[in-house]
Every structure is written in C-alpha cells, then in structure tokens.
Amino acid sequence: SRMKTFVSRVEEAIASGDREAAAKVLREAESELMKGAKNGVIHRN
C-alpha cells in the first residue's frame, strides 16, 4: 500500500506538469519501491 501511494504521488505530479516536484517525488518512490523489492514484497525486476 505504501509503495502504491508513492507511485500515485509521482503520477499526480506528472499530471500537474511540475517537473521539479515530480523528480523529487520520484526519488522517494524509487527508494520505497527498492525497499519493497529488497524485502520480497515485489520482484526486483
């Protein structure tokens, strides 16, 4: 659920057209997704 929330935030930032905000939120989402992959919640690929 946490990973999906972060991905949704990136998609909202993309939809708003704010590149800086989207890039900032993307870094946070990437970290969260990689944590999920490390813990085996989703496949690393």
All heavy atoms as atom14 arrays in JSON, in Angstrom:
{
  "sequence": "SRMKTFVSRVEEAIASGDREAAAKVLREAESELMKGAKNGVIHRN",
  "atom14_mask": [
    [1, 1, 1, 1, 1, 1, 0, 0, 0, 0, 0, 0, 0, 0],
    [1, 1, 1, 1, 1, 1, 1, 1, 1, 1, 1, 0, 0, 0],
    [1, 1, 1, 1, 1, 1, 1, 1, 0, 0, 0, 0, 0, 0],
    [1, 1, 1, 1, 1, 1, 1, 1, 1, 0, 0, 0, 0, 0],
    [1, 1, 1, 1, 1, 1, 1, 0, 0, 0, 0, 0, 0, 0],
    [1, 1, 1, 1, 1, 1, 1, 1, 1, 1, 1, 0, 0, 0],
    [1, 1, 1, 1, 1, 1, 1, 0, 0, 0, 0, 0, 0, 0],
    [1, 1, 1, 1, 1, 1, 0, 0, 0, 0, 0, 0, 0, 0],
    [1, 1, 1, 1, 1, 1, 1, 1, 1, 1, 1, 0, 0, 0],
    [1, 1, 1, 1, 1, 1, 1, 0, 0, 0, 0, 0, 0, 0],
    [1, 1, 1, 1, 1, 1, 1, 1, 1, 0, 0, 0, 0, 0],
    [1, 1, 1, 1, 1, 1, 1, 1, 1, 0, 0, 0, 0, 0],
    [1, 1, 1, 1, 1, 0, 0, 0, 0, 0, 0, 0, 0, 0],
    [1, 1, 1, 1, 1, 1, 1, 1, 0, 0, 0, 0, 0, 0],
    [1, 1, 1, 1, 1, 0, 0, 0, 0, 0, 0, 0, 0, 0],
    [1, 1, 1, 1, 1, 1, 0, 0, 0, 0, 0, 0, 0, 0],
    [1, 1, 1, 1, 0, 0, 0, 0, 0, 0, 0, 0, 0, 0],
    [1, 1, 1, 1, 1, 1, 1, 1, 0, 0, 0, 0, 0, 0],
    [1, 1, 1, 1, 1, 1, 1, 1, 1, 1, 1, 0, 0, 0],
    [1, 1, 1, 1, 1, 1, 1, 1, 1, 0, 0, 0, 0, 0],
    [1, 1, 1, 1, 1, 0, 0, 0, 0, 0, 0, 0, 0, 0],
    [1, 1, 1, 1, 1, 0, 0, 0, 0, 0, 0, 0, 0, 0],
    [1, 1, 1, 1, 1, 0, 0, 0, 0, 0, 0, 0, 0, 0],
    [1, 1, 1, 1, 1, 1, 1, 1, 1, 0, 0, 0, 0, 0],
    [1, 1, 1, 1, 1, 1, 1, 0, 0, 0, 0, 0, 0, 0],
    [1, 1, 1, 1, 1, 1, 1, 1, 0, 0, 0, 0, 0, 0],
    [1, 1, 1, 1, 1, 1, 1, 1, 1, 1, 1, 0, 0, 0],
    [1, 1, 1, 1, 1, 1, 1, 1, 1, 0, 0, 0, 0, 0],
    [1, 1, 1, 1, 1, 0, 0, 0, 0, 0, 0, 0, 0, 0],
    [1, 1, 1, 1, 1, 1, 1, 1, 1, 0, 0, 0, 0, 0],
    [1, 1, 1, 1, 1, 1, 0, 0, 0, 0, 0, 0, 0, 0],
    [1, 1, 1, 1, 1, 1, 1, 1, 1, 0, 0, 0, 0, 0],
    [1, 1, 1, 1, 1, 1, 1, 1, 0, 0, 0, 0, 0, 0],
    [1, 1, 1, 1, 1, 1, 1, 1, 0, 0, 0, 0, 0, 0],
    [1, 1, 1, 1, 1, 1, 1, 1, 1, 0, 0, 0, 0, 0],
    [1, 1, 1, 1, 0, 0, 0, 0, 0, 0, 0, 0, 0, 0],
    [1, 1, 1, 1, 1, 0, 0, 0, 0, 0, 0, 0, 0, 0],
    [1, 1, 1, 1, 1, 1, 1, 1, 1, 0, 0, 0, 0, 0],
    [1, 1, 1, 1, 1, 1, 1, 1, 0, 0, 0, 0, 0, 0],
    [1, 1, 1, 1, 0, 0, 0, 0, 0, 0, 0, 0, 0, 0],
    [1, 1, 1, 1, 1, 1, 1, 0, 0, 0, 0, 0, 0, 0],
    [1, 1, 1, 1, 1, 1, 1, 1, 0, 0, 0, 0, 0, 0],
    [1, 1, 1, 1, 1, 1, 1, 1, 1, 1, 0, 0, 0, 0],
    [1, 1, 1, 1, 1, 1, 1, 1, 1, 1, 1, 0, 0, 0],
    [1, 1, 1, 1, 1, 1, 1, 1, 0, 0, 0, 0, 0, 0]
  ],
  "atom14_positions": [
    [[0.83, -1.19, 0.0], [0.0, 0.0, 0.0], [0.88, 1.25, 0.0], [0.6, 2.22, -0.72], [-0.91, 0.0, 1.22], [-1.64, 1.19, 1.29], [0.0, 0.0, 0.0], [0.0, 0.0, 0.0], [0.0, 0.0, 0.0], [0.0, 0.0, 0.0], [0.0, 0.0, 0.0], [0.0, 0.0, 0.0], [0.0, 0.0, 0.0], [0.0, 0.0, 0.0]],
    [[1.94, 1.23, 0.77], [2.86, 2.37, 0.85], [3.53, 2.61, -0.51], [3.63, 3.75, -0.97], [3.9, 2.11, 1.92], [4.79, 3.27, 2.23], [5.6, 2.99, 3.49], [6.72, 3.9, 3.61], [6.64, 5.11, 4.14], [5.48, 5.54, 4.61], [7.7, 5.88, 4.22], [0.0, 0.0, 0.0], [0.0, 0.0, 0.0], [0.0, 0.0, 0.0]],
    [[3.95, 1.54, -1.17], [4.57, 1.67, -2.49], [3.59, 2.27, -3.49], [3.93, 3.17, -4.27], [5.07, 0.32, -3.0], [6.28, -0.19, -2.28], [6.97, -1.68, -3.02], [5.6, -2.79, -3.03], [0.0, 0.0, 0.0], [0.0, 0.0, 0.0], [0.0, 0.0, 0.0], [0.0, 0.0, 0.0], [0.0, 0.0, 0.0], [0.0, 0.0, 0.0]],
    [[2.35, 1.79, -3.49], [1.35, 2.29, -4.41], [1.07, 3.77, -4.17], [0.86, 4.54, -5.11], [0.05, 1.49, -4.28], [0.14, 0.09, -4.85], [-1.18, -0.64, -4.65], [-1.12, -2.06, -5.15], [-2.4, -2.77, -4.93], [0.0, 0.0, 0.0], [0.0, 0.0, 0.0], [0.0, 0.0, 0.0], [0.0, 0.0, 0.0], [0.0, 0.0, 0.0]],
    [[1.08, 4.18, -2.9], [0.85, 5.57, -2.56], [1.93, 6.45, -3.16], [1.65, 7.5, -3.73], [0.8, 5.76, -1.03], [-0.26, 4.97, -0.5], [0.6, 7.22, -0.65], [0.0, 0.0, 0.0], [0.0, 0.0, 0.0], [0.0, 0.0, 0.0], [0.0, 0.0, 0.0], [0.0, 0.0, 0.0], [0.0, 0.0, 0.0], [0.0, 0.0, 0.0]],
    [[3.19, 6.02, -3.04], [4.29, 6.81, -3.57], [4.23, 6.88, -5.09], [4.5, 7.94, -5.68], [5.63, 6.24, -3.11], [6.05, 6.72, -1.75], [5.62, 6.08, -0.6], [6.86, 7.83, -1.61], [5.99, 6.52, 0.65], [7.24, 8.3, -0.35], [6.81, 7.64, 0.77], [0.0, 0.0, 0.0], [0.0, 0.0, 0.0], [0.0, 0.0, 0.0]],
    [[3.87, 5.79, -5.74], [3.73, 5.8, -7.21], [2.6, 6.74, -7.61], [2.72, 7.49, -8.59], [3.49, 4.37, -7.73], [3.12, 4.39, -9.2], [4.73, 3.51, -7.52], [0.0, 0.0, 0.0], [0.0, 0.0, 0.0], [0.0, 0.0, 0.0], [0.0, 0.0, 0.0], [0.0, 0.0, 0.0], [0.0, 0.0, 0.0], [0.0, 0.0, 0.0]],
    [[1.51, 6.74, -6.86], [0.39, 7.64, -7.15], [0.81, 9.09, -7.04], [0.38, 9.95, -7.83], [-0.78, 7.37, -6.21], [-1.28, 6.08, -6.39], [0.0, 0.0, 0.0], [0.0, 0.0, 0.0], [0.0, 0.0, 0.0], [0.0, 0.0, 0.0], [0.0, 0.0, 0.0], [0.0, 0.0, 0.0], [0.0, 0.0, 0.0], [0.0, 0.0, 0.0]],
    [[1.65, 9.4, -6.05], [2.12, 10.78, -5.88], [2.93, 11.23, -7.09], [2.82, 12.37, -7.53], [2.96, 10.9, -4.62], [2.16, 10.81, -3.35], [3.04, 10.95, -2.13], [2.3, 10.68, -0.92], [2.86, 10.48, 0.27], [4.17, 10.53, 0.41], [2.11, 10.23, 1.32], [0.0, 0.0, 0.0], [0.0, 0.0, 0.0], [0.0, 0.0, 0.0]],
    [[3.75, 10.32, -7.62], [4.54, 10.65, -8.81], [3.6, 10.91, -9.98], [3.77, 11.89, -10.73], [5.54, 9.52, -9.16], [6.27, 9.82, -10.45], [6.53, 9.32, -8.03], [0.0, 0.0, 0.0], [0.0, 0.0, 0.0], [0.0, 0.0, 0.0], [0.0, 0.0, 0.0], [0.0, 0.0, 0.0], [0.0, 0.0, 0.0], [0.0, 0.0, 0.0]],
    [[2.61, 10.07, -10.16], [1.67, 10.23, -11.27], [0.89, 11.53, -11.15], [0.62, 12.2, -12.15], [0.74, 9.02, -11.35], [1.46, 7.76, -11.78], [0.61, 6.52, -11.72], [-0.51, 6.58, -11.18], [1.08, 5.48, -12.22], [0.0, 0.0, 0.0], [0.0, 0.0, 0.0], [0.0, 0.0, 0.0], [0.0, 0.0, 0.0], [0.0, 0.0, 0.0]],
    [[0.53, 11.92, -9.93], [-0.16, 13.2, -9.72], [0.74, 14.37, -10.09], [0.29, 15.34, -10.72], [-0.61, 13.34, -8.26], [-1.77, 12.44, -7.89], [-2.07, 12.48, -6.4], [-1.44, 13.29, -5.67], [-2.91, 11.68, -5.96], [0.0, 0.0, 0.0], [0.0, 0.0, 0.0], [0.0, 0.0, 0.0], [0.0, 0.0, 0.0], [0.0, 0.0, 0.0]],
    [[2.02, 14.28, -9.71], [2.96, 15.35, -10.03], [3.18, 15.46, -11.54], [3.3, 16.56, -12.09], [4.29, 15.11, -9.32], [0.0, 0.0, 0.0], [0.0, 0.0, 0.0], [0.0, 0.0, 0.0], [0.0, 0.0, 0.0], [0.0, 0.0, 0.0], [0.0, 0.0, 0.0], [0.0, 0.0, 0.0], [0.0, 0.0, 0.0], [0.0, 0.0, 0.0]],
    [[3.21, 14.3, -12.2], [3.35, 14.3, -13.67], [2.12, 14.95, -14.3], [2.24, 15.75, -15.22], [3.56, 12.86, -14.19], [4.93, 12.33, -13.77], [3.41, 12.81, -15.7], [5.12, 10.85, -14.03], [0.0, 0.0, 0.0], [0.0, 0.0, 0.0], [0.0, 0.0, 0.0], [0.0, 0.0, 0.0], [0.0, 0.0, 0.0], [0.0, 0.0, 0.0]],
    [[0.95, 14.61, -13.79], [-0.29, 15.16, -14.34], [-0.37, 16.67, -14.14], [-0.9, 17.39, -14.98], [-1.49, 14.48, -13.69], [0.0, 0.0, 0.0], [0.0, 0.0, 0.0], [0.0, 0.0, 0.0], [0.0, 0.0, 0.0], [0.0, 0.0, 0.0], [0.0, 0.0, 0.0], [0.0, 0.0, 0.0], [0.0, 0.0, 0.0], [0.0, 0.0, 0.0]],
    [[0.19, 17.15, -13.02], [0.16, 18.6, -12.76], [1.15, 19.35, -13.64], [1.02, 20.56, -13.82], [0.45, 18.89, -11.3], [1.82, 18.64, -11.02], [0.0, 0.0, 0.0], [0.0, 0.0, 0.0], [0.0, 0.0, 0.0], [0.0, 0.0, 0.0], [0.0, 0.0, 0.0], [0.0, 0.0, 0.0], [0.0, 0.0, 0.0], [0.0, 0.0, 0.0]],
    [[2.14, 18.64, -14.18], [3.1, 19.27, -15.09], [4.28, 19.91, -14.39], [5.09, 20.57, -15.03], [0.0, 0.0, 0.0], [0.0, 0.0, 0.0], [0.0, 0.0, 0.0], [0.0, 0.0, 0.0], [0.0, 0.0, 0.0], [0.0, 0.0, 0.0], [0.0, 0.0, 0.0], [0.0, 0.0, 0.0], [0.0, 0.0, 0.0], [0.0, 0.0, 0.0]],
    [[4.42, 19.7, -13.09], [5.54, 20.28, -12.33], [6.71, 19.3, -12.34], [6.7, 18.3, -11.63], [5.09, 20.59, -10.91], [6.13, 21.37, -10.13], [7.19, 21.69, -10.71], [5.88, 21.65, -8.95], [0.0, 0.0, 0.0], [0.0, 0.0, 0.0], [0.0, 0.0, 0.0], [0.0, 0.0, 0.0], [0.0, 0.0, 0.0], [0.0, 0.0, 0.0]],
    [[7.72, 19.61, -13.15], [8.83, 18.67, -13.33], [9.68, 18.53, -12.07], [10.1, 17.42, -11.72], [9.7, 19.14, -14.49], [10.75, 18.13, -14.89], [11.47, 18.58, -16.13], [12.24, 17.48, -16.65], [12.75, 17.44, -17.85], [12.55, 18.43, -18.67], [13.45, 16.42, -18.25], [0.0, 0.0, 0.0], [0.0, 0.0, 0.0], [0.0, 0.0, 0.0]],
    [[9.96, 19.64, -11.39], [10.8, 19.58, -10.18], [10.13, 18.75, -9.09], [10.77, 17.93, -8.44], [11.11, 21.0, -9.67], [12.04, 21.78, -10.55], [11.34, 22.38, -11.76], [10.1, 22.58, -11.7], [12.02, 22.6, -12.77], [0.0, 0.0, 0.0], [0.0, 0.0, 0.0], [0.0, 0.0, 0.0], [0.0, 0.0, 0.0], [0.0, 0.0, 0.0]],
    [[8.84, 18.99, -8.89], [8.11, 18.23, -7.87], [8.04, 16.76, -8.24], [8.2, 15.89, -7.38], [6.69, 18.79, -7.71], [0.0, 0.0, 0.0], [0.0, 0.0, 0.0], [0.0, 0.0, 0.0], [0.0, 0.0, 0.0], [0.0, 0.0, 0.0], [0.0, 0.0, 0.0], [0.0, 0.0, 0.0], [0.0, 0.0, 0.0], [0.0, 0.0, 0.0]],
    [[7.84, 16.48, -9.53], [7.77, 15.09, -9.99], [9.1, 14.39, -9.77], [9.14, 13.23, -9.34], [7.37, 15.04, -11.46], [0.0, 0.0, 0.0], [0.0, 0.0, 0.0], [0.0, 0.0, 0.0], [0.0, 0.0, 0.0], [0.0, 0.0, 0.0], [0.0, 0.0, 0.0], [0.0, 0.0, 0.0], [0.0, 0.0, 0.0], [0.0, 0.0, 0.0]],
    [[10.21, 15.09, -10.05], [11.53, 14.49, -9.86], [11.79, 14.22, -8.38], [12.36, 13.17, -8.03], [12.6, 15.41, -10.42], [0.0, 0.0, 0.0], [0.0, 0.0, 0.0], [0.0, 0.0, 0.0], [0.0, 0.0, 0.0], [0.0, 0.0, 0.0], [0.0, 0.0, 0.0], [0.0, 0.0, 0.0], [0.0, 0.0, 0.0], [0.0, 0.0, 0.0]],
    [[11.37, 15.14, -7.53], [11.58, 14.96, -6.08], [10.78, 13.76, -5.56], [11.3, 12.92, -4.82], [11.15, 16.23, -5.35], [11.32, 16.15, -3.85], [10.96, 17.48, -3.2], [11.16, 17.4, -1.7], [9.94, 17.13, -0.99], [0.0, 0.0, 0.0], [0.0, 0.0, 0.0], [0.0, 0.0, 0.0], [0.0, 0.0, 0.0], [0.0, 0.0, 0.0]],
    [[9.53, 13.68, -5.97], [8.68, 12.58, -5.51], [9.14, 11.26, -6.12], [9.03, 10.21, -5.5], [7.2, 12.87, -5.86], [6.3, 11.76, -5.4], [6.77, 14.18, -5.23], [0.0, 0.0, 0.0], [0.0, 0.0, 0.0], [0.0, 0.0, 0.0], [0.0, 0.0, 0.0], [0.0, 0.0, 0.0], [0.0, 0.0, 0.0], [0.0, 0.0, 0.0]],
    [[9.7, 11.32, -7.34], [10.21, 10.11, -7.98], [11.34, 9.5, -7.18], [11.41, 8.28, -7.03], [10.67, 10.42, -9.4], [11.33, 9.25, -10.14], [10.33, 8.12, -10.35], [11.91, 9.7, -11.46], [0.0, 0.0, 0.0], [0.0, 0.0, 0.0], [0.0, 0.0, 0.0], [0.0, 0.0, 0.0], [0.0, 0.0, 0.0], [0.0, 0.0, 0.0]],
    [[12.23, 10.33, -6.66], [13.34, 9.81, -5.84], [12.8, 9.07, -4.61], [13.3, 8.0, -4.25], [14.27, 10.95, -5.41], [15.19, 11.43, -6.51], [16.3, 12.31, -5.97], [15.79, 13.5, -5.3], [15.5, 14.65, -5.9], [15.64, 14.76, -7.2], [15.07, 15.68, -5.2], [0.0, 0.0, 0.0], [0.0, 0.0, 0.0], [0.0, 0.0, 0.0]],
    [[11.79, 9.64, -3.98], [11.19, 8.99, -2.81], [10.51, 7.69, -3.2], [10.62, 6.68, -2.49], [10.18, 9.94, -2.15], [10.8, 11.2, -1.58], [9.76, 12.22, -1.16], [8.56, 11.96, -1.34], [10.16, 13.27, -0.63], [0.0, 0.0, 0.0], [0.0, 0.0, 0.0], [0.0, 0.0, 0.0], [0.0, 0.0, 0.0], [0.0, 0.0, 0.0]],
    [[9.81, 7.7, -4.32], [9.11, 6.5, -4.78], [10.11, 5.41, -5.15], [9.88, 4.22, -4.86], [8.22, 6.83, -5.98], [0.0, 0.0, 0.0], [0.0, 0.0, 0.0], [0.0, 0.0, 0.0], [0.0, 0.0, 0.0], [0.0, 0.0, 0.0], [0.0, 0.0, 0.0], [0.0, 0.0, 0.0], [0.0, 0.0, 0.0], [0.0, 0.0, 0.0]],
    [[11.21, 5.8, -5.78], [12.23, 4.82, -6.15], [12.78, 4.13, -4.92], [12.94, 2.91, -4.89], [13.35, 5.51, -6.92], [14.45, 4.56, -7.36], [15.54, 5.24, -8.14], [15.48, 6.48, -8.32], [16.46, 4.54, -8.57], [0.0, 0.0, 0.0], [0.0, 0.0, 0.0], [0.0, 0.0, 0.0], [0.0, 0.0, 0.0], [0.0, 0.0, 0.0]],
    [[13.06, 4.91, -3.89], [13.57, 4.35, -2.64], [12.57, 3.37, -2.05], [12.93, 2.26, -1.62], [13.85, 5.49, -1.65], [14.19, 4.97, -0.39], [0.0, 0.0, 0.0], [0.0, 0.0, 0.0], [0.0, 0.0, 0.0], [0.0, 0.0, 0.0], [0.0, 0.0, 0.0], [0.0, 0.0, 0.0], [0.0, 0.0, 0.0], [0.0, 0.0, 0.0]],
    [[11.32, 3.76, -2.04], [10.27, 2.91, -1.46], [10.1, 1.62, -2.26], [9.94, 0.53, -1.69], [8.96, 3.69, -1.41], [7.96, 3.13, -0.43], [8.44, 3.18, 1.0], [9.11, 4.14, 1.41], [8.15, 2.21, 1.73], [0.0, 0.0, 0.0], [0.0, 0.0, 0.0], [0.0, 0.0, 0.0], [0.0, 0.0, 0.0], [0.0, 0.0, 0.0]],
    [[10.13, 1.72, -3.58], [9.99, 0.52, -4.43], [11.16, -0.43, -4.24], [10.98, -1.65, -4.17], [9.88, 0.94, -5.9], [8.52, 1.48, -6.31], [8.63, 2.24, -7.63], [7.51, 0.36, -6.42], [0.0, 0.0, 0.0], [0.0, 0.0, 0.0], [0.0, 0.0, 0.0], [0.0, 0.0, 0.0], [0.0, 0.0, 0.0], [0.0, 0.0, 0.0]],
    [[12.36, 0.11, -4.13], [13.54, -0.74, -3.95], [13.54, -1.4, -2.57], [13.99, -2.53, -2.42], [14.82, 0.05, -4.18], [15.02, 0.46, -5.61], [14.95, -0.98, -6.71], [14.46, -0.23, -8.22], [0.0, 0.0, 0.0], [0.0, 0.0, 0.0], [0.0, 0.0, 0.0], [0.0, 0.0, 0.0], [0.0, 0.0, 0.0], [0.0, 0.0, 0.0]],
    [[13.02, -0.71, -1.58], [12.86, -1.33, -0.26], [11.89, -2.5, -0.35], [12.11, -3.56, 0.25], [12.36, -0.32, 0.77], [13.39, 0.66, 1.25], [12.75, 1.63, 2.23], [13.68, 2.77, 2.57], [13.04, 3.76, 3.45], [0.0, 0.0, 0.0], [0.0, 0.0, 0.0], [0.0, 0.0, 0.0], [0.0, 0.0, 0.0], [0.0, 0.0, 0.0]],
    [[10.8, -2.29, -1.07], [9.83, -3.36, -1.25], [10.43, -4.55, -1.97], [10.17, -5.71, -1.63], [0.0, 0.0, 0.0], [0.0, 0.0, 0.0], [0.0, 0.0, 0.0], [0.0, 0.0, 0.0], [0.0, 0.0, 0.0], [0.0, 0.0, 0.0], [0.0, 0.0, 0.0], [0.0, 0.0, 0.0], [0.0, 0.0, 0.0], [0.0, 0.0, 0.0]],
    [[11.25, -4.28, -2.97], [11.91, -5.36, -3.71], [12.91, -6.08, -2.82], [13.01, -7.32, -2.86], [12.61, -4.8, -4.94], [0.0, 0.0, 0.0], [0.0, 0.0, 0.0], [0.0, 0.0, 0.0], [0.0, 0.0, 0.0], [0.0, 0.0, 0.0], [0.0, 0.0, 0.0], [0.0, 0.0, 0.0], [0.0, 0.0, 0.0], [0.0, 0.0, 0.0]],
    [[13.62, -5.34, -2.01], [14.61, -5.94, -1.11], [13.93, -6.86, -0.1], [14.46, -7.93, 0.24], [15.38, -4.85, -0.37], [16.48, -5.37, 0.54], [17.17, -4.25, 1.26], [16.28, -3.76, 2.39], [16.93, -2.82, 3.29], [0.0, 0.0, 0.0], [0.0, 0.0, 0.0], [0.0, 0.0, 0.0], [0.0, 0.0, 0.0], [0.0, 0.0, 0.0]],
    [[12.76, -6.45, 0.35], [12.04, -7.24, 1.35], [11.17, -8.34, 0.74], [10.51, -9.07, 1.46], [11.16, -6.33, 2.21], [11.99, -5.42, 3.09], [13.0, -5.85, 3.64], [11.6, -4.18, 3.22], [0.0, 0.0, 0.0], [0.0, 0.0, 0.0], [0.0, 0.0, 0.0], [0.0, 0.0, 0.0], [0.0, 0.0, 0.0], [0.0, 0.0, 0.0]],
    [[11.16, -8.43, -0.58], [10.43, -9.51, -1.22], [8.95, -9.26, -1.41], [8.2, -10.2, -1.69], [0.0, 0.0, 0.0], [0.0, 0.0, 0.0], [0.0, 0.0, 0.0], [0.0, 0.0, 0.0], [0.0, 0.0, 0.0], [0.0, 0.0, 0.0], [0.0, 0.0, 0.0], [0.0, 0.0, 0.0], [0.0, 0.0, 0.0], [0.0, 0.0, 0.0]],
    [[8.51, -8.02, -1.27], [7.1, -7.71, -1.47], [6.76, -7.81, -2.95], [5.72, -8.33, -3.33], [6.76, -6.32, -0.91], [5.3, -5.98, -1.14], [7.08, -6.26, 0.57], [0.0, 0.0, 0.0], [0.0, 0.0, 0.0], [0.0, 0.0, 0.0], [0.0, 0.0, 0.0], [0.0, 0.0, 0.0], [0.0, 0.0, 0.0], [0.0, 0.0, 0.0]],
    [[7.66, -7.26, -3.79], [7.52, -7.4, -5.24], [8.85, -7.86, -5.8], [9.89, -7.74, -5.14], [7.08, -6.08, -5.93], [8.09, -4.97, -5.68], [5.71, -5.66, -5.5], [7.82, -3.72, -6.49], [0.0, 0.0, 0.0], [0.0, 0.0, 0.0], [0.0, 0.0, 0.0], [0.0, 0.0, 0.0], [0.0, 0.0, 0.0], [0.0, 0.0, 0.0]],
    [[8.83, -8.37, -7.0], [10.06, -8.85, -7.64], [10.95, -7.66, -7.98], [10.44, -6.58, -8.31], [9.7, -9.62, -8.91], [10.82, -10.45, -9.43], [11.79, -9.93, -10.24], [11.13, -11.76, -9.24], [12.66, -10.9, -10.53], [12.27, -12.01, -9.93], [0.0, 0.0, 0.0], [0.0, 0.0, 0.0], [0.0, 0.0, 0.0], [0.0, 0.0, 0.0]],
    [[12.25, -7.84, -7.89], [13.17, -6.73, -8.13], [13.06, -6.2, -9.55], [13.21, -5.0, -9.79], [14.6, -7.12, -7.8], [15.18, -8.2, -8.66], [16.6, -8.55, -8.21], [17.18, -9.54, -9.09], [17.03, -10.85, -8.97], [16.32, -11.32, -7.95], [17.59, -11.68, -9.81], [0.0, 0.0, 0.0], [0.0, 0.0, 0.0], [0.0, 0.0, 0.0]],
    [[12.78, -7.07, -10.51], [12.62, -6.6, -11.9], [11.36, -5.77, -12.05], [11.33, -4.81, -12.82], [12.58, -7.79, -12.86], [13.91, -8.48, -12.99], [14.91, -8.03, -12.43], [13.94, -9.58, -13.71], [0.0, 0.0, 0.0], [0.0, 0.0, 0.0], [0.0, 0.0, 0.0], [0.0, 0.0, 0.0], [0.0, 0.0, 0.0], [0.0, 0.0, 0.0]]
  ]
}
